[in-house]
Amino acid sequence: MGKPTDLVQGTLDLLVLKTVELQPMHGWGIAQRIRQISNEVLQVNQGALYPALHRLEQQGWIRARWSETEGGRQVKFYSLTAAGRAQLERERESWSRLSTAINLVMERT
C-alpha cells in the first residue's frame, strides 16, 4: 500500500460533515473514521482538522459539546445541525459536478 494521500483542497468540510452525519464524534475519531473508510488512503492531520472543526462550528453547520470518553477524558463531540445537513447536500452536489467533470477530462484526453 502506498503512503496516505493529502486531501484535495476544499474536500475536508465535505468529509467532516459526512462523517458526523450519522453520529456525534470527537476530532480524533473523525480523522480515524475518514482514514478507515477510505481504506487508509485519506489522512486528515490535526493541523487541518481542528481549524476546520472550528470553522464549521462558527458557520453553524456543526455543534460541539463536551463529554467524557469511555476512558474518562473530557473531549468535544461534534454533531451535525439542520443547517449542516443542508450544507452537506450542497457540498455533495458540488463534489458530484466536480468529479464528473474531472472524469470527463480524464476519459477524453
PDB file of N, CA and C in Angstrom:
ATOM      1  N   MET A   1       0.843  -1.172   0.000  1.00  0.00           N
ATOM      2  CA  MET A   1       0.000   0.000   0.000  1.00  0.00           C
ATOM      3  C   MET A   1       0.889   1.236   0.000  1.00  0.00           C
ATOM      4  N   GLY A   2       0.508   2.261  -0.790  1.00  0.00           N
ATOM      5  CA  GLY A   2       1.267   3.494  -0.860  1.00  0.00           C
ATOM      6  C   GLY A   2       1.029   4.351   0.369  1.00  0.00           C
ATOM      7  N   LYS A   3       1.702   5.479   0.388  1.00  0.00           N
ATOM      8  CA  LYS A   3       1.534   6.372   1.532  1.00  0.00           C
ATOM      9  C   LYS A   3       0.177   7.072   1.453  1.00  0.00           C
ATOM     10  N   PRO A   4      -0.380   7.502   2.599  1.00  0.00           N
ATOM     11  CA  PRO A   4      -1.676   8.186   2.587  1.00  0.00           C
ATOM     12  C   PRO A   4      -1.619   9.442   1.729  1.00  0.00           C
ATOM     13  N   THR A   5      -2.727   9.763   1.112  1.00  0.00           N
ATOM     14  CA  THR A   5      -2.828  10.901   0.215  1.00  0.00           C
ATOM     15  C   THR A   5      -3.353  12.112   0.968  1.00  0.00           C
ATOM     16  N   ASP A   6      -2.732  13.277   0.725  1.00  0.00           N
ATOM     17  CA  ASP A   6      -3.265  14.501   1.294  1.00  0.00           C
ATOM     18  C   ASP A   6      -4.603  14.797   0.632  1.00  0.00           C
ATOM     19  N   LEU A   7      -5.473  15.460   1.372  1.00  0.00           N
ATOM     20  CA  LEU A   7      -6.800  15.752   0.850  1.00  0.00           C
ATOM     21  C   LEU A   7      -6.746  16.796  -0.250  1.00  0.00           C
ATOM     22  N   VAL A   8      -7.609  16.642  -1.228  1.00  0.00           N
ATOM     23  CA  VAL A   8      -7.773  17.647  -2.265  1.00  0.00           C
ATOM     24  C   VAL A   8      -8.335  18.889  -1.593  1.00  0.00           C
ATOM     25  N   GLN A   9      -7.790  20.046  -1.943  1.00  0.00           N
ATOM     26  CA  GLN A   9      -8.237  21.278  -1.319  1.00  0.00           C
ATOM     27  C   GLN A   9      -9.750  21.432  -1.467  1.00  0.00           C
ATOM     28  N   GLY A  10     -10.413  21.795  -0.389  1.00  0.00           N
ATOM     29  CA  GLY A  10     -11.849  22.010  -0.419  1.00  0.00           C
ATOM     30  C   GLY A  10     -12.688  20.792  -0.073  1.00  0.00           C
ATOM     31  N   THR A  11     -12.071  19.641   0.114  1.00  0.00           N
ATOM     32  CA  THR A  11     -12.861  18.445   0.407  1.00  0.00           C
ATOM     33  C   THR A  11     -12.998  18.167   1.900  1.00  0.00           C
ATOM     34  N   LEU A  12     -12.203  18.801   2.727  1.00  0.00           N
ATOM     35  CA  LEU A  12     -12.227  18.491   4.153  1.00  0.00           C
ATOM     36  C   LEU A  12     -13.593  18.775   4.781  1.00  0.00           C
ATOM     37  N   ASP A  13     -14.192  19.915   4.452  1.00  0.00           N
ATOM     38  CA  ASP A  13     -15.505  20.232   5.015  1.00  0.00           C
ATOM     39  C   ASP A  13     -16.518  19.154   4.655  1.00  0.00           C
ATOM     40  N   LEU A  14     -16.536  18.753   3.406  1.00  0.00           N
ATOM     41  CA  LEU A  14     -17.449  17.711   2.947  1.00  0.00           C
ATOM     42  C   LEU A  14     -17.237  16.422   3.733  1.00  0.00           C
ATOM     43  N   LEU A  15     -15.992  16.012   3.887  1.00  0.00           N
ATOM     44  CA  LEU A  15     -15.691  14.766   4.591  1.00  0.00           C
ATOM     45  C   LEU A  15     -16.072  14.829   6.064  1.00  0.00           C
ATOM     46  N   VAL A  16     -15.825  15.951   6.701  1.00  0.00           N
ATOM     47  CA  VAL A  16     -16.177  16.092   8.123  1.00  0.00           C
ATOM     48  C   VAL A  16     -17.694  16.078   8.291  1.00  0.00           C
ATOM     49  N   LEU A  17     -18.402  16.853   7.468  1.00  0.00           N
ATOM     50  CA  LEU A  17     -19.856  16.886   7.571  1.00  0.00           C
ATOM     51  C   LEU A  17     -20.452  15.498   7.353  1.00  0.00           C
ATOM     52  N   LYS A  18     -19.952  14.789   6.357  1.00  0.00           N
ATOM     53  CA  LYS A  18     -20.447  13.447   6.073  1.00  0.00           C
ATOM     54  C   LYS A  18     -20.142  12.494   7.230  1.00  0.00           C
ATOM     55  N   THR A  19     -18.982  12.632   7.819  1.00  0.00           N
ATOM     56  CA  THR A  19     -18.566  11.734   8.898  1.00  0.00           C
ATOM     57  C   THR A  19     -19.427  11.903  10.143  1.00  0.00           C
ATOM     58  N   VAL A  20     -19.800  13.124  10.472  1.00  0.00           N
ATOM     59  CA  VAL A  20     -20.617  13.340  11.675  1.00  0.00           C
ATOM     60  C   VAL A  20     -22.116  13.300  11.376  1.00  0.00           C
ATOM     61  N   GLU A  21     -22.475  12.999  10.141  1.00  0.00           N
ATOM     62  CA  GLU A  21     -23.890  12.956   9.767  1.00  0.00           C
ATOM     63  C   GLU A  21     -24.660  11.913  10.587  1.00  0.00           C
ATOM     64  N   LEU A  22     -24.094  10.755  10.783  1.00  0.00           N
ATOM     65  CA  LEU A  22     -24.815   9.670  11.435  1.00  0.00           C
ATOM     66  C   LEU A  22     -24.744   9.684  12.956  1.00  0.00           C
ATOM     67  N   GLN A  23     -23.608  10.148  13.488  1.00  0.00           N
ATOM     68  CA  GLN A  23     -23.472  10.154  14.949  1.00  0.00           C
ATOM     69  C   GLN A  23     -22.427  11.173  15.371  1.00  0.00           C
ATOM     70  N   PRO A  24     -22.588  11.731  16.572  1.00  0.00           N
ATOM     71  CA  PRO A  24     -21.571  12.655  17.086  1.00  0.00           C
ATOM     72  C   PRO A  24     -20.235  11.931  17.254  1.00  0.00           C
ATOM     73  N   MET A  25     -19.161  12.639  16.972  1.00  0.00           N
ATOM     74  CA  MET A  25     -17.817  12.072  17.092  1.00  0.00           C
ATOM     75  C   MET A  25     -16.867  13.149  17.593  1.00  0.00           C
ATOM     76  N   HIS A  26     -15.791  12.719  18.229  1.00  0.00           N
ATOM     77  CA  HIS A  26     -14.743  13.659  18.629  1.00  0.00           C
ATOM     78  C   HIS A  26     -13.732  13.770  17.497  1.00  0.00           C
ATOM     79  N   GLY A  27     -12.888  14.779  17.563  1.00  0.00           N
ATOM     80  CA  GLY A  27     -11.971  15.076  16.471  1.00  0.00           C
ATOM     81  C   GLY A  27     -11.105  13.909  16.044  1.00  0.00           C
ATOM     82  N   TRP A  28     -10.462  13.262  17.004  1.00  0.00           N
ATOM     83  CA  TRP A  28      -9.588  12.138  16.662  1.00  0.00           C
ATOM     84  C   TRP A  28     -10.396  11.032  15.985  1.00  0.00           C
ATOM     85  N   GLY A  29     -11.624  10.793  16.467  1.00  0.00           N
ATOM     86  CA  GLY A  29     -12.490   9.779  15.884  1.00  0.00           C
ATOM     87  C   GLY A  29     -12.874  10.112  14.452  1.00  0.00           C
ATOM     88  N   ILE A  30     -13.097  11.397  14.176  1.00  0.00           N
ATOM     89  CA  ILE A  30     -13.422  11.835  12.812  1.00  0.00           C
ATOM     90  C   ILE A  30     -12.256  11.511  11.883  1.00  0.00           C
ATOM     91  N   ALA A  31     -11.053  11.880  12.306  1.00  0.00           N
ATOM     92  CA  ALA A  31      -9.864  11.622  11.474  1.00  0.00           C
ATOM     93  C   ALA A  31      -9.671  10.124  11.242  1.00  0.00           C
ATOM     94  N   GLN A  32      -9.850   9.336  12.282  1.00  0.00           N
ATOM     95  CA  GLN A  32      -9.677   7.889  12.153  1.00  0.00           C
ATOM     96  C   GLN A  32     -10.744   7.277  11.257  1.00  0.00           C
ATOM     97  N   ARG A  33     -11.965   7.752  11.378  1.00  0.00           N
ATOM     98  CA  ARG A  33     -13.056   7.218  10.555  1.00  0.00           C
ATOM     99  C   ARG A  33     -12.819   7.510   9.075  1.00  0.00           C
ATOM    100  N   ILE A  34     -12.385   8.717   8.757  1.00  0.00           N
ATOM    101  CA  ILE A  34     -12.092   9.068   7.364  1.00  0.00           C
ATOM    102  C   ILE A  34     -10.988   8.171   6.830  1.00  0.00           C
ATOM    103  N   ARG A  35      -9.936   7.981   7.625  1.00  0.00           N
ATOM    104  CA  ARG A  35      -8.839   7.104   7.216  1.00  0.00           C
ATOM    105  C   ARG A  35      -9.335   5.680   7.002  1.00  0.00           C
ATOM    106  N   GLN A  36     -10.138   5.185   7.929  1.00  0.00           N
ATOM    107  CA  GLN A  36     -10.644   3.815   7.862  1.00  0.00           C
ATOM    108  C   GLN A  36     -11.555   3.613   6.650  1.00  0.00           C
ATOM    109  N   ILE A  37     -12.516   4.492   6.458  1.00  0.00           N
ATOM    110  CA  ILE A  37     -13.475   4.351   5.362  1.00  0.00           C
ATOM    111  C   ILE A  37     -12.787   4.469   4.004  1.00  0.00           C
ATOM    112  N   SER A  38     -11.724   5.269   3.930  1.00  0.00           N
ATOM    113  CA  SER A  38     -11.007   5.448   2.655  1.00  0.00           C
ATOM    114  C   SER A  38      -9.953   4.371   2.429  1.00  0.00           C
ATOM    115  N   ASN A  39     -10.010   3.303   3.217  1.00  0.00           N
ATOM    116  CA  ASN A  39      -9.018   2.223   3.107  1.00  0.00           C
ATOM    117  C   ASN A  39      -7.592   2.736   3.261  1.00  0.00           C
ATOM    118  N   GLU A  40      -7.420   3.632   4.242  1.00  0.00           N
ATOM    119  CA  GLU A  40      -6.100   4.165   4.599  1.00  0.00           C
ATOM    120  C   GLU A  40      -5.512   5.121   3.555  1.00  0.00           C
ATOM    121  N   VAL A  41      -6.321   5.560   2.587  1.00  0.00           N
ATOM    122  CA  VAL A  41      -5.806   6.442   1.538  1.00  0.00           C
ATOM    123  C   VAL A  41      -5.824   7.897   1.994  1.00  0.00           C
ATOM    124  N   LEU A  42      -6.904   8.325   2.630  1.00  0.00           N
ATOM    125  CA  LEU A  42      -7.021   9.723   3.064  1.00  0.00           C
ATOM    126  C   LEU A  42      -6.598   9.855   4.515  1.00  0.00           C
ATOM    127  N   GLN A  43      -5.766  10.845   4.761  1.00  0.00           N
ATOM    128  CA  GLN A  43      -5.293  11.092   6.120  1.00  0.00           C
ATOM    129  C   GLN A  43      -5.516  12.558   6.443  1.00  0.00           C
ATOM    130  N   VAL A  44      -6.236  12.814   7.523  1.00  0.00           N
ATOM    131  CA  VAL A  44      -6.520  14.178   7.950  1.00  0.00           C
ATOM    132  C   VAL A  44      -5.624  14.487   9.132  1.00  0.00           C
ATOM    133  N   ASN A  45      -4.719  15.442   8.956  1.00  0.00           N
ATOM    134  CA  ASN A  45      -3.840  15.780  10.075  1.00  0.00           C
ATOM    135  C   ASN A  45      -4.527  16.777  11.005  1.00  0.00           C
ATOM    136  N   GLN A  46      -4.113  16.772  12.256  1.00  0.00           N
ATOM    137  CA  GLN A  46      -4.743  17.612  13.263  1.00  0.00           C
ATOM    138  C   GLN A  46      -4.614  19.097  12.949  1.00  0.00           C
ATOM    139  N   GLY A  47      -3.524  19.466  12.284  1.00  0.00           N
ATOM    140  CA  GLY A  47      -3.318  20.867  11.928  1.00  0.00           C
ATOM    141  C   GLY A  47      -4.340  21.387  10.941  1.00  0.00           C
ATOM    142  N   ALA A  48      -4.968  20.506  10.199  1.00  0.00           N
ATOM    143  CA  ALA A  48      -6.036  20.893   9.274  1.00  0.00           C
ATOM    144  C   ALA A  48      -7.407  20.628   9.886  1.00  0.00           C
ATOM    145  N   LEU A  49      -7.531  19.534  10.649  1.00  0.00           N
ATOM    146  CA  LEU A  49      -8.834  19.124  11.164  1.00  0.00           C
ATOM    147  C   LEU A  49      -9.401  20.112  12.173  1.00  0.00           C
ATOM    148  N   TYR A  50      -8.634  20.482  13.180  1.00  0.00           N
ATOM    149  CA  TYR A  50      -9.207  21.302  14.249  1.00  0.00           C
ATOM    150  C   TYR A  50      -9.575  22.711  13.790  1.00  0.00           C
ATOM    151  N   PRO A  51      -8.796  23.361  12.923  1.00  0.00           N
ATOM    152  CA  PRO A  51      -9.281  24.631  12.365  1.00  0.00           C
ATOM    153  C   PRO A  51     -10.564  24.446  11.540  1.00  0.00           C
ATOM    154  N   ALA A  52     -10.673  23.325  10.824  1.00  0.00           N
ATOM    155  CA  ALA A  52     -11.885  23.056  10.041  1.00  0.00           C
ATOM    156  C   ALA A  52     -13.080  22.863  10.969  1.00  0.00           C
ATOM    157  N   LEU A  53     -12.895  22.116  12.050  1.00  0.00           N
ATOM    158  CA  LEU A  53     -13.986  21.919  13.007  1.00  0.00           C
ATOM    159  C   LEU A  53     -14.433  23.252  13.600  1.00  0.00           C
ATOM    160  N   HIS A  54     -13.481  24.082  13.950  1.00  0.00           N
ATOM    161  CA  HIS A  54     -13.807  25.407  14.499  1.00  0.00           C
ATOM    162  C   HIS A  54     -14.576  26.234  13.466  1.00  0.00           C
ATOM    163  N   ARG A  55     -14.112  26.226  12.223  1.00  0.00           N
ATOM    164  CA  ARG A  55     -14.755  26.983  11.143  1.00  0.00           C
ATOM    165  C   ARG A  55     -16.190  26.476  10.921  1.00  0.00           C
ATOM    166  N   LEU A  56     -16.375  25.156  10.881  1.00  0.00           N
ATOM    167  CA  LEU A  56     -17.702  24.583  10.664  1.00  0.00           C
ATOM    168  C   LEU A  56     -18.642  24.912  11.820  1.00  0.00           C
ATOM    169  N   GLU A  57     -18.082  24.946  13.029  1.00  0.00           N
ATOM    170  CA  GLU A  57     -18.886  25.328  14.189  1.00  0.00           C
ATOM    171  C   GLU A  57     -19.287  26.799  14.107  1.00  0.00           C
ATOM    172  N   GLN A  58     -18.366  27.656  13.714  1.00  0.00           N
ATOM    173  CA  GLN A  58     -18.661  29.081  13.566  1.00  0.00           C
ATOM    174  C   GLN A  58     -19.729  29.320  12.498  1.00  0.00           C
ATOM    175  N   GLN A  59     -19.720  28.489  11.449  1.00  0.00           N
ATOM    176  CA  GLN A  59     -20.716  28.599  10.381  1.00  0.00           C
ATOM    177  C   GLN A  59     -22.095  28.104  10.828  1.00  0.00           C
ATOM    178  N   GLY A  60     -22.132  27.378  11.949  1.00  0.00           N
ATOM    179  CA  GLY A  60     -23.388  26.824  12.435  1.00  0.00           C
ATOM    180  C   GLY A  60     -23.740  25.487  11.809  1.00  0.00           C
ATOM    181  N   TRP A  61     -22.772  24.853  11.158  1.00  0.00           N
ATOM    182  CA  TRP A  61     -23.025  23.582  10.470  1.00  0.00           C
ATOM    183  C   TRP A  61     -22.802  22.377  11.369  1.00  0.00           C
ATOM    184  N   ILE A  62     -22.001  22.558  12.414  1.00  0.00           N
ATOM    185  CA  ILE A  62     -21.843  21.509  13.415  1.00  0.00           C
ATOM    186  C   ILE A  62     -21.989  22.148  14.798  1.00  0.00           C
ATOM    187  N   ARG A  63     -22.293  21.312  15.764  1.00  0.00           N
ATOM    188  CA  ARG A  63     -22.421  21.746  17.149  1.00  0.00           C
ATOM    189  C   ARG A  63     -21.415  20.941  17.963  1.00  0.00           C
ATOM    190  N   ALA A  64     -20.781  21.584  18.910  1.00  0.00           N
ATOM    191  CA  ALA A  64     -19.815  20.891  19.763  1.00  0.00           C
ATOM    192  C   ALA A  64     -20.342  20.851  21.194  1.00  0.00           C
ATOM    193  N   ARG A  65     -20.100  19.728  21.853  1.00  0.00           N
ATOM    194  CA  ARG A  65     -20.430  19.626  23.273  1.00  0.00           C
ATOM    195  C   ARG A  65     -19.352  18.796  23.954  1.00  0.00           C
ATOM    196  N   TRP A  66     -19.029  19.195  25.167  1.00  0.00           N
ATOM    197  CA  TRP A  66     -18.041  18.458  25.939  1.00  0.00           C
ATOM    198  C   TRP A  66     -18.699  17.214  26.525  1.00  0.00           C
ATOM    199  N   SER A  67     -17.973  16.117  26.487  1.00  0.00           N
ATOM    200  CA  SER A  67     -18.466  14.863  27.054  1.00  0.00           C
ATOM    201  C   SER A  67     -17.272  14.032  27.483  1.00  0.00           C
ATOM    202  N   GLU A  68     -17.552  13.045  28.285  1.00  0.00           N
ATOM    203  CA  GLU A  68     -16.484  12.176  28.781  1.00  0.00           C
ATOM    204  C   GLU A  68     -16.401  10.916  27.923  1.00  0.00           C
ATOM    205  N   THR A  69     -15.181  10.524  27.566  1.00  0.00           N
ATOM    206  CA  THR A  69     -14.984   9.295  26.810  1.00  0.00           C
ATOM    207  C   THR A  69     -15.049   8.103  27.755  1.00  0.00           C
ATOM    208  N   GLU A  70     -15.035   6.912  27.178  1.00  0.00           N
ATOM    209  CA  GLU A  70     -15.025   5.695  27.993  1.00  0.00           C
ATOM    210  C   GLU A  70     -13.811   5.652  28.905  1.00  0.00           C
ATOM    211  N   GLY A  71     -12.718   6.272  28.453  1.00  0.00           N
ATOM    212  CA  GLY A  71     -11.500   6.303  29.248  1.00  0.00           C
ATOM    213  C   GLY A  71     -11.484   7.389  30.312  1.00  0.00           C
ATOM    214  N   GLY A  72     -12.559   8.185  30.393  1.00  0.00           N
ATOM    215  CA  GLY A  72     -12.651   9.206  31.421  1.00  0.00           C
ATOM    216  C   GLY A  72     -12.128  10.572  31.024  1.00  0.00           C
ATOM    217  N   ARG A  73     -11.683  10.739  29.779  1.00  0.00           N
ATOM    218  CA  ARG A  73     -11.184  12.040  29.311  1.00  0.00           C
ATOM    219  C   ARG A  73     -12.334  12.923  28.853  1.00  0.00           C
ATOM    220  N   GLN A  74     -12.202  14.219  29.066  1.00  0.00           N
ATOM    221  CA  GLN A  74     -13.168  15.186  28.562  1.00  0.00           C
ATOM    222  C   GLN A  74     -12.753  15.581  27.139  1.00  0.00           C
ATOM    223  N   VAL A  75     -13.640  15.379  26.182  1.00  0.00           N
ATOM    224  CA  VAL A  75     -13.369  15.753  24.786  1.00  0.00           C
ATOM    225  C   VAL A  75     -14.625  16.380  24.197  1.00  0.00           C
ATOM    226  N   LYS A  76     -14.419  17.130  23.110  1.00  0.00           N
ATOM    227  CA  LYS A  76     -15.544  17.716  22.396  1.00  0.00           C
ATOM    228  C   LYS A  76     -16.084  16.710  21.389  1.00  0.00           C
ATOM    229  N   PHE A  77     -17.382  16.516  21.406  1.00  0.00           N
ATOM    230  CA  PHE A  77     -18.059  15.703  20.413  1.00  0.00           C
ATOM    231  C   PHE A  77     -18.792  16.648  19.468  1.00  0.00           C
ATOM    232  N   TYR A  78     -18.664  16.379  18.180  1.00  0.00           N
ATOM    233  CA  TYR A  78     -19.254  17.229  17.156  1.00  0.00           C
ATOM    234  C   TYR A  78     -20.426  16.511  16.508  1.00  0.00           C
ATOM    235  N   SER A  79     -21.518  17.258  16.287  1.00  0.00           N
ATOM    236  CA  SER A  79     -22.689  16.691  15.623  1.00  0.00           C
ATOM    237  C   SER A  79     -23.192  17.678  14.570  1.00  0.00           C
ATOM    238  N   LEU A  80     -23.908  17.152  13.614  1.00  0.00           N
ATOM    239  CA  LEU A  80     -24.424  17.942  12.503  1.00  0.00           C
ATOM    240  C   LEU A  80     -25.683  18.690  12.928  1.00  0.00           C
ATOM    241  N   THR A  81     -25.796  19.940  12.521  1.00  0.00           N
ATOM    242  CA  THR A  81     -27.004  20.728  12.769  1.00  0.00           C
ATOM    243  C   THR A  81     -27.901  20.642  11.539  1.00  0.00           C
ATOM    244  N   ALA A  82     -29.102  21.196  11.633  1.00  0.00           N
ATOM    245  CA  ALA A  82     -30.006  21.238  10.472  1.00  0.00           C
ATOM    246  C   ALA A  82     -29.357  22.030   9.339  1.00  0.00           C
ATOM    247  N   ALA A  83     -28.720  23.142   9.680  1.00  0.00           N
ATOM    248  CA  ALA A  83     -28.022  23.928   8.651  1.00  0.00           C
ATOM    249  C   ALA A  83     -26.872  23.124   8.056  1.00  0.00           C
ATOM    250  N   GLY A  84     -26.231  22.299   8.878  1.00  0.00           N
ATOM    251  CA  GLY A  84     -25.146  21.450   8.399  1.00  0.00           C
ATOM    252  C   GLY A  84     -25.638  20.392   7.430  1.00  0.00           C
ATOM    253  N   ARG A  85     -26.834  19.866   7.676  1.00  0.00           N
ATOM    254  CA  ARG A  85     -27.408  18.885   6.737  1.00  0.00           C
ATOM    255  C   ARG A  85     -27.648  19.524   5.373  1.00  0.00           C
ATOM    256  N   ALA A  86     -28.160  20.745   5.380  1.00  0.00           N
ATOM    257  CA  ALA A  86     -28.377  21.463   4.119  1.00  0.00           C
ATOM    258  C   ALA A  86     -27.049  21.740   3.426  1.00  0.00           C
ATOM    259  N   GLN A  87     -26.047  22.149   4.194  1.00  0.00           N
ATOM    260  CA  GLN A  87     -24.724  22.415   3.620  1.00  0.00           C
ATOM    261  C   GLN A  87     -24.100  21.136   3.080  1.00  0.00           C
ATOM    262  N   LEU A  88     -24.269  20.033   3.780  1.00  0.00           N
ATOM    263  CA  LEU A  88     -23.743  18.751   3.310  1.00  0.00           C
ATOM    264  C   LEU A  88     -24.330  18.415   1.943  1.00  0.00           C
ATOM    265  N   GLU A  89     -25.605  18.647   1.771  1.00  0.00           N
ATOM    266  CA  GLU A  89     -26.235  18.362   0.475  1.00  0.00           C
ATOM    267  C   GLU A  89     -25.651  19.266  -0.614  1.00  0.00           C
ATOM    268  N   ARG A  90     -25.442  20.539  -0.315  1.00  0.00           N
ATOM    269  CA  ARG A  90     -24.822  21.452  -1.296  1.00  0.00           C
ATOM    270  C   ARG A  90     -23.405  20.999  -1.629  1.00  0.00           C
ATOM    271  N   GLU A  91     -22.647  20.618  -0.600  1.00  0.00           N
ATOM    272  CA  GLU A  91     -21.270  20.158  -0.816  1.00  0.00           C
ATOM    273  C   GLU A  91     -21.259  18.868  -1.634  1.00  0.00           C
ATOM    274  N   ARG A  92     -22.185  17.984  -1.351  1.00  0.00           N
ATOM    275  CA  ARG A  92     -22.285  16.710  -2.075  1.00  0.00           C
ATOM    276  C   ARG A  92     -22.583  16.968  -3.559  1.00  0.00           C
ATOM    277  N   GLU A  93     -23.506  17.863  -3.855  1.00  0.00           N
ATOM    278  CA  GLU A  93     -23.842  18.198  -5.244  1.00  0.00           C
ATOM    279  C   GLU A  93     -22.653  18.835  -5.953  1.00  0.00           C
ATOM    280  N   SER A  94     -21.957  19.720  -5.260  1.00  0.00           N
ATOM    281  CA  SER A  94     -20.777  20.365  -5.836  1.00  0.00           C
ATOM    282  C   SER A  94     -19.685  19.334  -6.142  1.00  0.00           C
ATOM    283  N   TRP A  95     -19.450  18.416  -5.208  1.00  0.00           N
ATOM    284  CA  TRP A  95     -18.447  17.375  -5.414  1.00  0.00           C
ATOM    285  C   TRP A  95     -18.826  16.488  -6.597  1.00  0.00           C
ATOM    286  N   SER A  96     -20.091  16.166  -6.714  1.00  0.00           N
ATOM    287  CA  SER A  96     -20.554  15.327  -7.814  1.00  0.00           C
ATOM    288  C   SER A  96     -20.287  16.009  -9.161  1.00  0.00           C
ATOM    289  N   ARG A  97     -20.600  17.297  -9.262  1.00  0.00           N
ATOM    290  CA  ARG A  97     -20.335  18.045 -10.505  1.00  0.00           C
ATOM    291  C   ARG A  97     -18.844  18.068 -10.815  1.00  0.00           C
ATOM    292  N   LEU A  98     -18.039  18.359  -9.799  1.00  0.00           N
ATOM    293  CA  LEU A  98     -16.593  18.451  -9.997  1.00  0.00           C
ATOM    294  C   LEU A  98     -15.998  17.102 -10.399  1.00  0.00           C
ATOM    295  N   SER A  99     -16.361  16.043  -9.693  1.00  0.00           N
ATOM    296  CA  SER A  99     -15.781  14.732 -10.007  1.00  0.00           C
ATOM    297  C   SER A  99     -16.241  14.238 -11.375  1.00  0.00           C
ATOM    298  N   THR A 100     -17.473  14.544 -11.758  1.00  0.00           N
ATOM    299  CA  THR A 100     -17.956  14.170 -13.091  1.00  0.00           C
ATOM    300  C   THR A 100     -17.146  14.902 -14.151  1.00  0.00           C
ATOM    301  N   ALA A 101     -16.906  16.187 -13.951  1.00  0.00           N
ATOM    302  CA  ALA A 101     -16.135  16.982 -14.920  1.00  0.00           C
ATOM    303  C   ALA A 101     -14.708  16.467 -15.036  1.00  0.00           C
ATOM    304  N   ILE A 102     -14.089  16.143 -13.925  1.00  0.00           N
ATOM    305  CA  ILE A 102     -12.716  15.618 -13.952  1.00  0.00           C
ATOM    306  C   ILE A 102     -12.685  14.273 -14.674  1.00  0.00           C
ATOM    307  N   ASN A 103     -13.649  13.421 -14.390  1.00  0.00           N
ATOM    308  CA  ASN A 103     -13.715  12.133 -15.091  1.00  0.00           C
ATOM    309  C   ASN A 103     -13.879  12.315 -16.599  1.00  0.00           C
ATOM    310  N   LEU A 104     -14.674  13.278 -17.014  1.00  0.00           N
ATOM    311  CA  LEU A 104     -14.840  13.543 -18.446  1.00  0.00           C
ATOM    312  C   LEU A 104     -13.522  13.929 -19.090  1.00  0.00           C
ATOM    313  N   VAL A 105     -12.786  14.801 -18.420  1.00  0.00           N
ATOM    314  CA  VAL A 105     -11.479  15.217 -18.948  1.00  0.00           C
ATOM    315  C   VAL A 105     -10.526  14.025 -19.025  1.00  0.00           C
ATOM    316  N   MET A 106     -10.502  13.211 -17.977  1.00  0.00           N
ATOM    317  CA  MET A 106      -9.594  12.077 -17.932  1.00  0.00           C
ATOM    318  C   MET A 106      -9.935  11.045 -19.010  1.00  0.00           C
ATOM    319  N   GLU A 107     -11.192  10.867 -19.323  1.00  0.00           N
ATOM    320  CA  GLU A 107     -11.603   9.892 -20.316  1.00  0.00           C
ATOM    321  C   GLU A 107     -11.382  10.366 -21.743  1.00  0.00           C
ATOM    322  N   ARG A 108     -11.389  11.658 -21.979  1.00  0.00           N
ATOM    323  CA  ARG A 108     -11.359  12.183 -23.335  1.00  0.00           C
ATOM    324  C   ARG A 108     -10.053  12.808 -23.764  1.00  0.00           C
ATOM    325  N   THR A 109      -9.086  12.821 -22.906  1.00  0.00           N
ATOM    326  CA  THR A 109      -7.807  13.430 -23.313  1.00  0.00           C
ATOM    327  C   THR A 109      -6.739  12.365 -23.469  1.00  0.00           C
TER     328      THR A 109
END
